């Protein structure tokens, strides 16, 4: 085979460059914005992000005491004490407390004691008459008589087709006598508190209040 002198082989062609990958929209802008924020220094924020205000926690303030009487001072009841009803109510509570202290052993309430006293003084009276005299509602009085009858203290006797007459039994008379002896001590203490004529004066004044209402 014959060769041509000084013949050079043809050079290889360089590969064509690949096209650059497309960047997502906004990527370059975001990068530029990030660089700009870093170069601008701290404290600068994007105008689209609202600034957050820091709230420092403050210690709870102590309650301010209300102006007025101190807790160690007694209540002022002078205006309330000027009402007759208030004084009567206080007296009633005191009297009832004395009665309950004596009647607790006999399991007797003030209204029951009053009913026994009236029935004993007026044997054969109708239920409605005694209820009206004591100022007790008819339905409440019937319930109370039912209780006294169940204890064997009161008995009902038919007076006509529509009503019953009330009488104390022997047990009822015995219980009433015991209660009157116990309560006599309390009445003597009232006499000592009110003085010689105090009881009569008190009764007159109380009766005036009762009569003025009727």
N, C-alpha and C. Protein backbone atom coordinates (compact mmCIF):
# COMPACT_ATOMS: atom_id res chain seq x y z
N UNK A 1 0.87 -1.20 0.00
CA UNK A 1 0.00 0.00 0.00
C UNK A 1 0.89 1.23 0.00
N UNK A 2 0.54 2.21 -0.77
CA UNK A 2 1.33 3.41 -0.87
C UNK A 2 0.80 4.48 0.07
N UNK A 3 1.66 5.19 0.73
CA UNK A 3 1.29 6.29 1.61
C UNK A 3 1.80 7.59 1.05
N UNK A 4 0.86 8.66 1.17
CA UNK A 4 1.30 9.97 0.77
C UNK A 4 2.17 10.57 1.82
N UNK A 5 3.25 11.14 1.45
CA UNK A 5 4.15 11.76 2.44
C UNK A 5 3.49 12.96 3.11
N UNK A 6 3.79 13.02 4.43
CA UNK A 6 3.32 14.14 5.29
C UNK A 6 1.79 14.32 5.26
N UNK A 7 1.08 13.29 5.10
CA UNK A 7 -0.40 13.42 5.10
C UNK A 7 -0.93 13.34 6.54
N UNK A 8 -1.69 14.30 6.91
CA UNK A 8 -2.24 14.37 8.31
C UNK A 8 -3.65 13.85 8.33
N UNK A 9 -3.94 13.21 9.46
CA UNK A 9 -5.30 12.69 9.65
C UNK A 9 -6.24 13.83 10.03
N UNK A 10 -7.47 13.77 9.60
CA UNK A 10 -8.42 14.88 9.93
C UNK A 10 -8.72 14.93 11.42
N UNK A 11 -8.75 16.14 12.02
CA UNK A 11 -9.04 16.31 13.48
C UNK A 11 -10.50 16.00 13.80
N UNK A 12 -10.66 15.48 14.98
CA UNK A 12 -12.02 15.15 15.44
C UNK A 12 -12.79 16.42 15.75
N UNK A 13 -14.09 16.43 15.40
CA UNK A 13 -14.95 17.60 15.66
C UNK A 13 -15.37 17.64 17.13
N UNK A 14 -15.28 18.83 17.73
CA UNK A 14 -15.69 18.98 19.17
C UNK A 14 -17.21 18.83 19.32
N UNK A 15 -17.61 18.21 20.42
CA UNK A 15 -19.07 18.00 20.69
C UNK A 15 -19.76 19.34 20.94
N UNK A 16 -20.93 19.44 20.41
CA UNK A 16 -21.70 20.70 20.59
C UNK A 16 -22.11 20.86 22.04
N UNK A 17 -22.03 22.07 22.58
CA UNK A 17 -22.42 22.27 24.02
C UNK A 17 -23.92 22.05 24.21
N UNK A 18 -24.24 21.43 25.40
CA UNK A 18 -25.66 21.17 25.75
C UNK A 18 -26.34 22.46 26.19
N UNK A 19 -27.58 22.60 25.79
CA UNK A 19 -28.30 23.84 26.23
C UNK A 19 -28.52 23.84 27.73
N UNK A 20 -28.34 25.01 28.33
CA UNK A 20 -28.50 25.12 29.80
C UNK A 20 -29.95 24.86 30.19
N UNK A 21 -30.11 24.19 31.38
CA UNK A 21 -31.48 23.88 31.88
C UNK A 21 -32.20 25.17 32.25
N UNK A 22 -33.47 25.21 31.91
CA UNK A 22 -34.26 26.42 32.20
C UNK A 22 -34.52 26.55 33.69
N UNK A 23 -34.29 27.73 34.25
CA UNK A 23 -34.52 27.98 35.66
C UNK A 23 -35.99 28.32 35.90
N UNK A 24 -36.53 27.87 37.05
CA UNK A 24 -37.93 28.20 37.34
C UNK A 24 -38.13 29.70 37.48
N UNK A 25 -39.31 30.10 37.07
CA UNK A 25 -39.61 31.54 37.10
C UNK A 25 -39.54 32.06 38.50
N UNK A 26 -38.92 33.18 38.67
CA UNK A 26 -38.86 33.83 39.98
C UNK A 26 -37.70 33.40 40.82
N UNK A 27 -36.93 32.32 40.37
CA UNK A 27 -35.83 31.84 41.20
C UNK A 27 -34.74 32.87 41.30
N UNK A 28 -34.40 33.48 40.15
CA UNK A 28 -33.32 34.46 40.17
C UNK A 28 -33.72 35.69 40.98
N UNK A 29 -35.02 36.04 40.85
CA UNK A 29 -35.48 37.22 41.60
C UNK A 29 -35.41 36.98 43.09
N UNK A 30 -35.80 35.73 43.52
CA UNK A 30 -35.77 35.41 44.94
C UNK A 30 -34.35 35.45 45.46
N UNK A 31 -33.42 34.92 44.64
CA UNK A 31 -32.03 34.90 45.08
C UNK A 31 -31.50 36.31 45.22
N UNK A 32 -31.84 37.13 44.19
CA UNK A 32 -31.40 38.51 44.27
C UNK A 32 -31.97 39.23 45.48
N UNK A 33 -33.25 38.94 45.77
CA UNK A 33 -33.89 39.61 46.92
C UNK A 33 -33.23 39.17 48.22
N UNK A 34 -32.88 37.86 48.30
CA UNK A 34 -32.24 37.34 49.50
C UNK A 34 -30.88 37.98 49.69
N UNK A 35 -30.13 38.12 48.57
CA UNK A 35 -28.82 38.75 48.68
C UNK A 35 -28.94 40.20 49.07
N UNK A 36 -29.97 40.83 48.52
CA UNK A 36 -30.15 42.25 48.84
C UNK A 36 -30.47 42.44 50.31
N UNK A 37 -31.26 41.52 50.88
CA UNK A 37 -31.59 41.63 52.31
C UNK A 37 -30.37 41.41 53.16
N UNK A 38 -29.51 40.43 52.74
CA UNK A 38 -28.30 40.17 53.52
C UNK A 38 -27.35 41.32 53.46
N UNK A 39 -27.23 41.96 52.29
CA UNK A 39 -26.32 43.06 52.12
C UNK A 39 -26.85 44.33 52.78
N UNK A 40 -28.16 44.41 52.91
CA UNK A 40 -28.73 45.63 53.48
C UNK A 40 -28.58 45.73 54.97
N UNK A 41 -28.19 44.61 55.63
CA UNK A 41 -28.04 44.66 57.08
C UNK A 41 -29.27 44.14 57.78
N UNK A 42 -29.12 43.91 59.07
CA UNK A 42 -30.21 43.39 59.87
C UNK A 42 -31.26 44.45 60.11
N UNK A 43 -32.49 43.97 60.46
CA UNK A 43 -33.58 44.90 60.80
C UNK A 43 -34.43 45.24 59.63
N UNK A 44 -33.92 44.98 58.36
CA UNK A 44 -34.72 45.27 57.19
C UNK A 44 -35.49 44.05 56.80
N UNK A 45 -36.78 44.17 56.57
CA UNK A 45 -37.64 43.07 56.23
C UNK A 45 -38.37 43.37 54.94
N UNK A 46 -38.87 42.33 54.35
CA UNK A 46 -39.61 42.50 53.11
C UNK A 46 -40.84 43.35 53.35
N UNK A 47 -41.18 44.23 52.45
CA UNK A 47 -42.36 45.08 52.66
C UNK A 47 -43.66 44.30 52.69
N UNK A 48 -43.61 43.04 52.17
CA UNK A 48 -44.84 42.22 52.15
C UNK A 48 -45.11 41.56 53.49
N UNK A 49 -44.11 41.48 54.39
CA UNK A 49 -44.26 40.80 55.68
C UNK A 49 -44.51 41.84 56.75
N UNK A 50 -45.66 41.80 57.45
CA UNK A 50 -45.93 42.81 58.50
C UNK A 50 -45.02 42.62 59.69
N UNK A 51 -44.67 43.70 60.30
CA UNK A 51 -43.80 43.65 61.47
C UNK A 51 -44.58 43.12 62.68
N UNK A 52 -43.94 42.27 63.48
CA UNK A 52 -44.56 41.70 64.67
C UNK A 52 -44.09 42.47 65.88
N UNK A 53 -45.06 42.98 66.62
CA UNK A 53 -44.71 43.78 67.80
C UNK A 53 -44.55 42.86 69.00
N UNK A 54 -43.42 42.97 69.64
CA UNK A 54 -43.18 42.15 70.82
C UNK A 54 -43.85 42.76 72.05
N UNK A 55 -44.60 41.91 72.77
CA UNK A 55 -45.31 42.36 73.97
C UNK A 55 -44.60 41.77 75.18
N UNK A 56 -44.08 42.59 76.00
CA UNK A 56 -43.40 42.10 77.19
C UNK A 56 -44.41 41.77 78.27
N UNK A 57 -44.24 40.62 78.92
CA UNK A 57 -45.15 40.20 79.98
C UNK A 57 -44.93 41.05 81.22
N UNK A 58 -46.03 41.64 81.71
CA UNK A 58 -45.95 42.48 82.90
C UNK A 58 -46.43 41.69 84.11
N UNK A 59 -45.84 41.86 85.25
CA UNK A 59 -46.33 41.15 86.45
C UNK A 59 -47.72 41.61 86.83
N UNK A 60 -48.54 40.64 87.31
CA UNK A 60 -49.92 40.95 87.69
C UNK A 60 -49.93 42.01 88.77
N UNK A 61 -50.76 43.02 88.57
CA UNK A 61 -50.85 44.09 89.55
C UNK A 61 -51.67 43.64 90.75
N UNK A 62 -51.30 44.09 91.90
CA UNK A 62 -52.03 43.73 93.12
C UNK A 62 -53.37 44.44 93.16
N UNK A 63 -54.44 43.74 93.62
CA UNK A 63 -55.76 44.39 93.68
C UNK A 63 -55.75 45.55 94.65
N UNK A 64 -56.41 46.59 94.25
CA UNK A 64 -56.50 47.78 95.10
C UNK A 64 -57.64 47.60 96.08
N UNK A 65 -57.39 47.64 97.36
CA UNK A 65 -58.48 47.45 98.32
C UNK A 65 -59.55 48.52 98.18
N UNK A 66 -60.83 48.07 98.24
CA UNK A 66 -61.94 49.01 98.11
C UNK A 66 -62.00 49.91 99.33
N UNK A 67 -62.35 51.13 99.08
CA UNK A 67 -62.48 52.07 100.19
C UNK A 67 -63.73 51.76 100.99
N UNK A 68 -63.66 51.90 102.28
CA UNK A 68 -64.81 51.63 103.14
C UNK A 68 -64.35 51.05 104.46
N UNK A 69 -65.28 50.34 105.11
CA UNK A 69 -64.98 49.77 106.42
C UNK A 69 -63.99 48.62 106.30
N UNK A 70 -63.17 48.47 107.29
CA UNK A 70 -62.25 47.35 107.33
C UNK A 70 -62.96 46.13 107.88
N UNK A 71 -62.39 44.95 107.62
CA UNK A 71 -63.05 43.70 108.00
C UNK A 71 -63.15 43.54 109.51
N UNK A 72 -62.31 44.23 110.27
CA UNK A 72 -62.37 44.08 111.73
C UNK A 72 -63.36 45.04 112.39
N UNK A 73 -64.05 45.85 111.57
CA UNK A 73 -65.05 46.77 112.13
C UNK A 73 -66.43 46.12 112.09
N UNK A 74 -67.25 46.32 113.11
CA UNK A 74 -68.61 45.76 113.09
C UNK A 74 -69.47 46.44 112.04
N UNK A 75 -70.46 45.71 111.53
CA UNK A 75 -71.38 46.27 110.54
C UNK A 75 -72.24 47.36 111.16
N UNK A 76 -72.53 48.36 110.37
CA UNK A 76 -73.39 49.45 110.81
C UNK A 76 -74.85 49.06 110.53
N UNK A 77 -75.60 48.73 111.54
CA UNK A 77 -77.01 48.34 111.41
C UNK A 77 -77.95 49.40 111.97
N UNK A 78 -77.44 50.60 112.17
CA UNK A 78 -78.25 51.64 112.80
C UNK A 78 -79.48 51.98 111.96
N UNK A 79 -79.32 52.04 110.65
CA UNK A 79 -80.48 52.37 109.80
C UNK A 79 -81.48 51.22 109.78
N UNK A 80 -80.99 49.99 109.69
CA UNK A 80 -81.88 48.84 109.69
C UNK A 80 -82.63 48.71 111.01
N UNK A 81 -81.95 49.03 112.09
CA UNK A 81 -82.57 48.92 113.41
C UNK A 81 -83.68 49.94 113.63
N UNK A 82 -83.81 50.91 112.73
CA UNK A 82 -84.89 51.89 112.86
C UNK A 82 -86.22 51.34 112.35
N UNK A 83 -86.24 50.17 111.73
CA UNK A 83 -87.47 49.56 111.24
C UNK A 83 -88.05 48.62 112.30
N UNK A 84 -89.34 48.81 112.56
CA UNK A 84 -90.00 47.98 113.58
C UNK A 84 -89.99 46.50 113.18
N UNK A 85 -90.17 46.23 111.90
CA UNK A 85 -90.20 44.85 111.45
C UNK A 85 -88.90 44.12 111.73
N UNK A 86 -87.78 44.83 111.57
CA UNK A 86 -86.49 44.21 111.84
C UNK A 86 -86.37 43.84 113.32
N UNK A 87 -86.76 44.75 114.20
CA UNK A 87 -86.66 44.47 115.63
C UNK A 87 -87.62 43.34 116.05
N UNK A 88 -88.81 43.33 115.45
CA UNK A 88 -89.75 42.25 115.77
C UNK A 88 -89.21 40.90 115.31
N UNK A 89 -88.60 40.90 114.14
CA UNK A 89 -88.03 39.65 113.62
C UNK A 89 -86.90 39.15 114.51
N UNK A 90 -86.05 40.05 114.96
CA UNK A 90 -84.97 39.66 115.85
C UNK A 90 -85.50 39.12 117.16
N UNK A 91 -86.56 39.75 117.67
CA UNK A 91 -87.16 39.26 118.92
C UNK A 91 -87.79 37.89 118.71
N UNK A 92 -88.44 37.70 117.56
CA UNK A 92 -89.06 36.40 117.28
C UNK A 92 -88.01 35.29 117.22
N UNK A 93 -86.90 35.57 116.56
CA UNK A 93 -85.84 34.56 116.47
C UNK A 93 -85.32 34.19 117.86
N UNK A 94 -85.15 35.20 118.70
CA UNK A 94 -84.66 34.95 120.06
C UNK A 94 -85.65 34.10 120.86
N UNK A 95 -86.95 34.43 120.75
CA UNK A 95 -87.97 33.67 121.48
C UNK A 95 -88.06 32.23 120.96
N UNK A 96 -88.01 32.07 119.64
CA UNK A 96 -88.08 30.73 119.06
C UNK A 96 -86.87 29.89 119.45
N UNK A 97 -85.70 30.51 119.51
CA UNK A 97 -84.51 29.78 119.94
C UNK A 97 -84.67 29.26 121.36
N UNK A 98 -85.22 30.09 122.23
CA UNK A 98 -85.47 29.65 123.61
C UNK A 98 -86.46 28.50 123.65
N UNK A 99 -87.52 28.60 122.83
CA UNK A 99 -88.53 27.55 122.82
C UNK A 99 -87.95 26.24 122.30
N UNK A 100 -87.21 26.32 121.19
CA UNK A 100 -86.65 25.11 120.60
C UNK A 100 -85.69 24.43 121.55
N UNK A 101 -84.94 25.22 122.30
CA UNK A 101 -84.01 24.62 123.27
C UNK A 101 -84.75 23.77 124.30
N UNK A 102 -85.96 24.18 124.67
CA UNK A 102 -86.74 23.43 125.65
C UNK A 102 -87.57 22.31 125.01
N UNK A 103 -88.00 22.52 123.76
CA UNK A 103 -88.92 21.58 123.12
C UNK A 103 -88.24 20.50 122.29
N UNK A 104 -86.93 20.63 122.09
CA UNK A 104 -86.24 19.66 121.23
C UNK A 104 -86.33 18.24 121.78
N UNK A 105 -86.28 18.11 123.11
CA UNK A 105 -86.36 16.78 123.70
C UNK A 105 -87.74 16.16 123.51
N UNK A 106 -88.77 16.99 123.31
CA UNK A 106 -90.13 16.49 123.12
C UNK A 106 -90.52 16.42 121.65
N UNK A 107 -89.62 16.81 120.77
CA UNK A 107 -89.88 16.79 119.33
C UNK A 107 -91.15 17.58 119.00
N UNK A 108 -91.16 18.83 119.44
CA UNK A 108 -92.34 19.67 119.27
C UNK A 108 -91.91 21.01 118.69
N UNK A 109 -92.60 21.45 117.67
CA UNK A 109 -92.31 22.74 117.05
C UNK A 109 -93.26 23.80 117.60
N UNK A 110 -92.89 25.09 117.44
CA UNK A 110 -93.75 26.16 117.97
C UNK A 110 -95.18 26.11 117.45
N UNK A 111 -95.38 25.87 116.15
CA UNK A 111 -96.73 25.83 115.60
C UNK A 111 -97.53 24.65 116.16
N UNK A 112 -96.87 23.53 116.37
CA UNK A 112 -97.55 22.37 116.95
C UNK A 112 -97.95 22.64 118.40
N UNK A 113 -97.06 23.29 119.13
CA UNK A 113 -97.38 23.65 120.52
C UNK A 113 -98.60 24.57 120.57
N UNK A 114 -98.63 25.57 119.66
CA UNK A 114 -99.77 26.49 119.63
C UNK A 114 -101.06 25.74 119.33
N UNK A 115 -101.00 24.80 118.40
CA UNK A 115 -102.19 24.02 118.05
C UNK A 115 -102.67 23.19 119.23
N UNK A 116 -101.76 22.57 119.95
CA UNK A 116 -102.15 21.77 121.12
C UNK A 116 -102.79 22.64 122.19
N UNK A 117 -102.24 23.84 122.39
CA UNK A 117 -102.80 24.75 123.40
C UNK A 117 -104.23 25.14 123.03
N UNK A 118 -104.46 25.49 121.74
CA UNK A 118 -105.79 25.94 121.32
C UNK A 118 -106.78 24.77 121.33
N UNK A 119 -106.36 23.61 120.90
CA UNK A 119 -107.26 22.45 120.90
C UNK A 119 -107.64 22.08 122.33
N UNK A 120 -106.67 22.15 123.24
CA UNK A 120 -106.95 21.82 124.65
C UNK A 120 -107.92 22.82 125.26
N UNK A 121 -107.78 24.11 124.89
CA UNK A 121 -108.67 25.14 125.45
C UNK A 121 -110.02 25.16 124.75
N UNK A 122 -110.09 24.59 123.54
CA UNK A 122 -111.34 24.60 122.76
C UNK A 122 -111.61 23.21 122.17
N UNK A 123 -111.87 22.23 123.02
CA UNK A 123 -112.10 20.87 122.51
C UNK A 123 -113.33 20.81 121.62
N UNK A 124 -113.23 20.04 120.53
CA UNK A 124 -114.35 19.90 119.62
C UNK A 124 -114.41 20.97 118.54
N UNK A 125 -113.39 21.86 118.50
CA UNK A 125 -113.38 22.91 117.47
C UNK A 125 -113.02 22.30 116.11
N UNK A 126 -113.50 22.96 115.06
CA UNK A 126 -113.22 22.46 113.71
C UNK A 126 -111.80 22.84 113.29
N UNK A 127 -111.29 22.05 112.38
CA UNK A 127 -109.94 22.31 111.88
C UNK A 127 -109.83 23.70 111.26
N UNK A 128 -110.82 24.07 110.47
CA UNK A 128 -110.78 25.36 109.78
C UNK A 128 -110.79 26.52 110.77
N UNK A 129 -111.51 26.38 111.89
CA UNK A 129 -111.57 27.44 112.89
C UNK A 129 -110.20 27.66 113.54
N UNK A 130 -109.56 26.56 113.90
CA UNK A 130 -108.26 26.68 114.57
C UNK A 130 -107.20 27.19 113.59
N UNK A 131 -107.24 26.72 112.36
CA UNK A 131 -106.28 27.18 111.36
C UNK A 131 -106.42 28.69 111.15
N UNK A 132 -107.65 29.18 111.07
CA UNK A 132 -107.87 30.62 110.88
C UNK A 132 -107.40 31.41 112.09
N UNK A 133 -107.65 30.91 113.29
CA UNK A 133 -107.25 31.62 114.50
C UNK A 133 -105.73 31.73 114.63
N UNK A 134 -105.03 30.69 114.16
CA UNK A 134 -103.56 30.68 114.27
C UNK A 134 -102.88 31.31 113.05
N UNK A 135 -103.69 31.67 112.03
CA UNK A 135 -103.10 32.26 110.84
C UNK A 135 -102.31 31.27 110.01
N UNK A 136 -102.75 30.02 109.99
CA UNK A 136 -102.07 28.97 109.24
C UNK A 136 -102.96 28.57 108.06
N UNK A 137 -102.37 28.39 106.89
CA UNK A 137 -103.13 27.96 105.73
C UNK A 137 -103.79 26.61 105.99
N UNK A 138 -104.98 26.45 105.44
CA UNK A 138 -105.76 25.24 105.71
C UNK A 138 -105.00 23.98 105.32
N UNK A 139 -104.37 24.00 104.15
CA UNK A 139 -103.64 22.80 103.70
C UNK A 139 -102.46 22.49 104.62
N UNK A 140 -101.77 23.51 105.08
CA UNK A 140 -100.65 23.29 106.00
C UNK A 140 -101.13 22.78 107.35
N UNK A 141 -102.27 23.31 107.80
CA UNK A 141 -102.78 22.89 109.10
C UNK A 141 -103.25 21.43 109.05
N UNK A 142 -103.87 21.05 107.94
CA UNK A 142 -104.31 19.66 107.81
C UNK A 142 -103.11 18.71 107.88
N UNK A 143 -102.02 19.08 107.21
CA UNK A 143 -100.81 18.25 107.25
C UNK A 143 -100.25 18.16 108.66
N UNK A 144 -100.30 19.27 109.41
CA UNK A 144 -99.80 19.26 110.77
C UNK A 144 -100.67 18.40 111.68
N UNK A 145 -102.00 18.47 111.52
CA UNK A 145 -102.90 17.64 112.32
C UNK A 145 -102.69 16.17 111.99
N UNK A 146 -102.43 15.88 110.72
CA UNK A 146 -102.14 14.49 110.35
C UNK A 146 -100.92 13.96 111.11
N UNK A 147 -99.92 14.80 111.25
CA UNK A 147 -98.71 14.40 111.97
C UNK A 147 -98.98 14.22 113.46
N UNK A 148 -99.74 15.14 114.04
CA UNK A 148 -100.07 15.01 115.47
C UNK A 148 -100.95 13.80 115.72
N UNK A 149 -101.85 13.52 114.79
CA UNK A 149 -102.72 12.36 114.94
C UNK A 149 -101.91 11.06 114.81
N UNK A 150 -100.92 11.04 113.90
CA UNK A 150 -100.08 9.86 113.75
C UNK A 150 -99.25 9.59 115.00
N UNK A 151 -98.93 10.64 115.75
CA UNK A 151 -98.17 10.47 117.00
C UNK A 151 -99.08 10.15 118.18
N UNK A 152 -100.39 10.13 117.94
CA UNK A 152 -101.33 9.81 119.02
C UNK A 152 -101.59 10.95 119.97
N UNK A 153 -101.37 12.19 119.51
CA UNK A 153 -101.57 13.36 120.36
C UNK A 153 -102.92 14.03 120.13
N UNK A 154 -103.47 13.88 118.94
CA UNK A 154 -104.74 14.51 118.56
C UNK A 154 -105.61 13.46 117.88
N UNK A 155 -106.93 13.58 118.08
CA UNK A 155 -107.85 12.71 117.35
C UNK A 155 -108.93 13.56 116.69
N UNK A 156 -109.34 13.08 115.52
CA UNK A 156 -110.42 13.74 114.77
C UNK A 156 -111.72 12.99 115.05
N UNK A 157 -112.77 13.78 115.27
CA UNK A 157 -114.10 13.21 115.45
C UNK A 157 -115.04 13.91 114.47
N UNK A 158 -115.77 13.11 113.73
CA UNK A 158 -116.67 13.69 112.72
C UNK A 158 -117.76 14.49 113.40
N UNK A 159 -117.85 15.77 113.03
CA UNK A 159 -118.91 16.62 113.56
C UNK A 159 -120.07 16.71 112.58
N UNK A 160 -119.77 16.64 111.31
CA UNK A 160 -120.79 16.56 110.25
C UNK A 160 -120.12 15.89 109.06
N UNK A 161 -120.78 15.91 107.93
CA UNK A 161 -120.26 15.20 106.76
C UNK A 161 -119.04 15.89 106.13
N UNK A 162 -118.82 17.14 106.44
CA UNK A 162 -117.77 17.89 105.77
C UNK A 162 -116.62 18.31 106.69
N UNK A 163 -116.74 18.19 107.97
CA UNK A 163 -115.71 18.69 108.87
C UNK A 163 -115.48 17.72 110.03
N UNK A 164 -114.37 17.96 110.70
CA UNK A 164 -113.99 17.14 111.85
C UNK A 164 -113.73 18.04 113.05
N UNK A 165 -114.07 17.52 114.21
CA UNK A 165 -113.77 18.23 115.46
C UNK A 165 -112.49 17.64 116.05
N UNK A 166 -111.65 18.51 116.61
CA UNK A 166 -110.36 18.08 117.13
C UNK A 166 -110.38 17.99 118.65
N UNK A 167 -109.75 16.94 119.15
CA UNK A 167 -109.63 16.73 120.60
C UNK A 167 -108.22 16.23 120.90
N UNK A 168 -107.73 16.57 122.09
CA UNK A 168 -106.46 16.02 122.53
C UNK A 168 -106.67 14.65 123.13
N UNK A 169 -105.74 13.77 122.88
CA UNK A 169 -105.76 12.47 123.53
C UNK A 169 -105.09 12.60 124.90
N UNK A 170 -105.13 11.53 125.66
CA UNK A 170 -104.45 11.54 126.97
C UNK A 170 -102.95 11.79 126.79
N UNK A 171 -102.37 11.19 125.74
CA UNK A 171 -100.95 11.41 125.48
C UNK A 171 -100.69 12.87 125.08
N UNK A 172 -101.63 13.45 124.33
CA UNK A 172 -101.48 14.84 123.95
C UNK A 172 -101.54 15.78 125.15
N UNK A 173 -102.44 15.52 126.08
CA UNK A 173 -102.54 16.35 127.28
C UNK A 173 -101.29 16.21 128.15
N UNK A 174 -100.75 15.02 128.22
CA UNK A 174 -99.53 14.80 129.01
C UNK A 174 -98.34 15.54 128.40
N UNK A 175 -98.20 15.45 127.08
CA UNK A 175 -97.10 16.14 126.42
C UNK A 175 -97.24 17.66 126.55
N UNK A 176 -98.46 18.15 126.42
CA UNK A 176 -98.68 19.59 126.55
C UNK A 176 -98.33 20.08 127.95
N UNK A 177 -98.71 19.33 128.96
CA UNK A 177 -98.38 19.72 130.33
C UNK A 177 -96.87 19.75 130.56
N UNK A 178 -96.15 18.78 130.00
CA UNK A 178 -94.70 18.76 130.15
C UNK A 178 -94.06 19.96 129.45
N UNK A 179 -94.57 20.29 128.29
CA UNK A 179 -94.00 21.43 127.55
C UNK A 179 -94.29 22.74 128.27
N UNK A 180 -95.45 22.88 128.84
CA UNK A 180 -95.77 24.12 129.58
C UNK A 180 -94.88 24.27 130.80
N UNK A 181 -94.56 23.20 131.47
CA UNK A 181 -93.65 23.28 132.63
C UNK A 181 -92.25 23.68 132.18
N UNK A 182 -91.79 23.15 131.07
CA UNK A 182 -90.47 23.51 130.57
C UNK A 182 -90.43 24.98 130.15
N UNK A 183 -91.47 25.42 129.47
CA UNK A 183 -91.47 26.78 128.94
C UNK A 183 -91.70 27.82 130.04
N UNK A 184 -92.22 27.42 131.17
CA UNK A 184 -92.44 28.37 132.26
C UNK A 184 -91.12 29.00 132.71
N UNK A 185 -90.04 28.26 132.63
CA UNK A 185 -88.74 28.81 133.01
C UNK A 185 -88.33 29.94 132.07
N UNK A 186 -88.63 29.76 130.79
CA UNK A 186 -88.30 30.80 129.81
C UNK A 186 -89.13 32.05 130.05
N UNK A 187 -90.42 31.86 130.38
CA UNK A 187 -91.29 33.01 130.62
C UNK A 187 -90.84 33.80 131.85
N UNK A 188 -90.35 33.10 132.85
CA UNK A 188 -89.86 33.81 134.03
C UNK A 188 -88.61 34.62 133.70
N UNK A 189 -87.80 34.13 132.80
CA UNK A 189 -86.62 34.90 132.38
C UNK A 189 -87.04 36.15 131.61
N UNK A 190 -88.10 36.06 130.82
CA UNK A 190 -88.61 37.24 130.12
C UNK A 190 -89.11 38.29 131.11
N UNK A 191 -89.78 37.84 132.15
CA UNK A 191 -90.27 38.78 133.16
C UNK A 191 -89.11 39.53 133.80
N UNK A 192 -88.01 38.81 134.03
CA UNK A 192 -86.84 39.46 134.65
C UNK A 192 -86.23 40.48 133.69
N UNK A 193 -86.25 40.18 132.40
CA UNK A 193 -85.68 41.10 131.43
C UNK A 193 -86.56 42.34 131.20
N UNK A 194 -87.87 42.15 131.17
CA UNK A 194 -88.80 43.23 130.86
C UNK A 194 -89.16 44.08 132.06
N UNK A 195 -88.96 43.59 133.24
CA UNK A 195 -89.32 44.35 134.44
C UNK A 195 -90.76 44.10 134.86
N UNK A 196 -91.20 44.71 135.98
CA UNK A 196 -92.53 44.44 136.54
C UNK A 196 -93.68 44.67 135.57
N UNK A 197 -93.68 45.79 134.88
CA UNK A 197 -94.78 46.12 133.97
C UNK A 197 -94.40 45.94 132.49
N UNK A 198 -93.21 45.42 132.26
CA UNK A 198 -92.74 45.31 130.88
C UNK A 198 -93.56 44.36 130.02
N UNK A 199 -94.01 43.25 130.59
CA UNK A 199 -94.78 42.29 129.81
C UNK A 199 -96.09 42.89 129.34
N UNK A 200 -96.81 43.54 130.25
CA UNK A 200 -98.10 44.13 129.88
C UNK A 200 -97.93 45.24 128.85
N UNK A 201 -96.89 46.06 129.03
CA UNK A 201 -96.63 47.12 128.05
C UNK A 201 -96.31 46.53 126.69
N UNK A 202 -95.52 45.46 126.68
CA UNK A 202 -95.18 44.80 125.42
C UNK A 202 -96.43 44.24 124.73
N UNK A 203 -97.30 43.62 125.50
CA UNK A 203 -98.53 43.06 124.92
C UNK A 203 -99.41 44.14 124.32
N UNK A 204 -99.52 45.27 125.01
CA UNK A 204 -100.35 46.36 124.49
C UNK A 204 -99.80 46.86 123.15
N UNK A 205 -98.48 47.03 123.08
CA UNK A 205 -97.88 47.54 121.85
C UNK A 205 -98.01 46.52 120.71
N UNK A 206 -97.82 45.25 121.01
CA UNK A 206 -97.94 44.22 119.97
C UNK A 206 -99.39 44.10 119.48
N UNK A 207 -100.32 44.23 120.41
CA UNK A 207 -101.74 44.16 120.03
C UNK A 207 -102.11 45.32 119.11
N UNK A 208 -101.52 46.49 119.35
CA UNK A 208 -101.81 47.62 118.49
C UNK A 208 -101.35 47.35 117.06
N UNK A 209 -100.19 46.73 116.93
CA UNK A 209 -99.69 46.39 115.61
C UNK A 209 -100.61 45.38 114.92
N UNK A 210 -101.09 44.40 115.68
CA UNK A 210 -101.98 43.38 115.10
C UNK A 210 -103.34 43.99 114.71
N UNK A 211 -103.87 44.85 115.57
CA UNK A 211 -105.17 45.46 115.28
C UNK A 211 -105.09 46.43 114.11
N UNK A 212 -103.95 47.09 113.98
CA UNK A 212 -103.81 48.04 112.88
C UNK A 212 -103.80 47.37 111.53
N UNK A 213 -103.43 46.08 111.47
CA UNK A 213 -103.41 45.36 110.21
C UNK A 213 -104.78 44.87 109.82
N UNK A 214 -105.63 44.56 110.80
CA UNK A 214 -106.95 43.99 110.50
C UNK A 214 -107.95 45.07 110.04
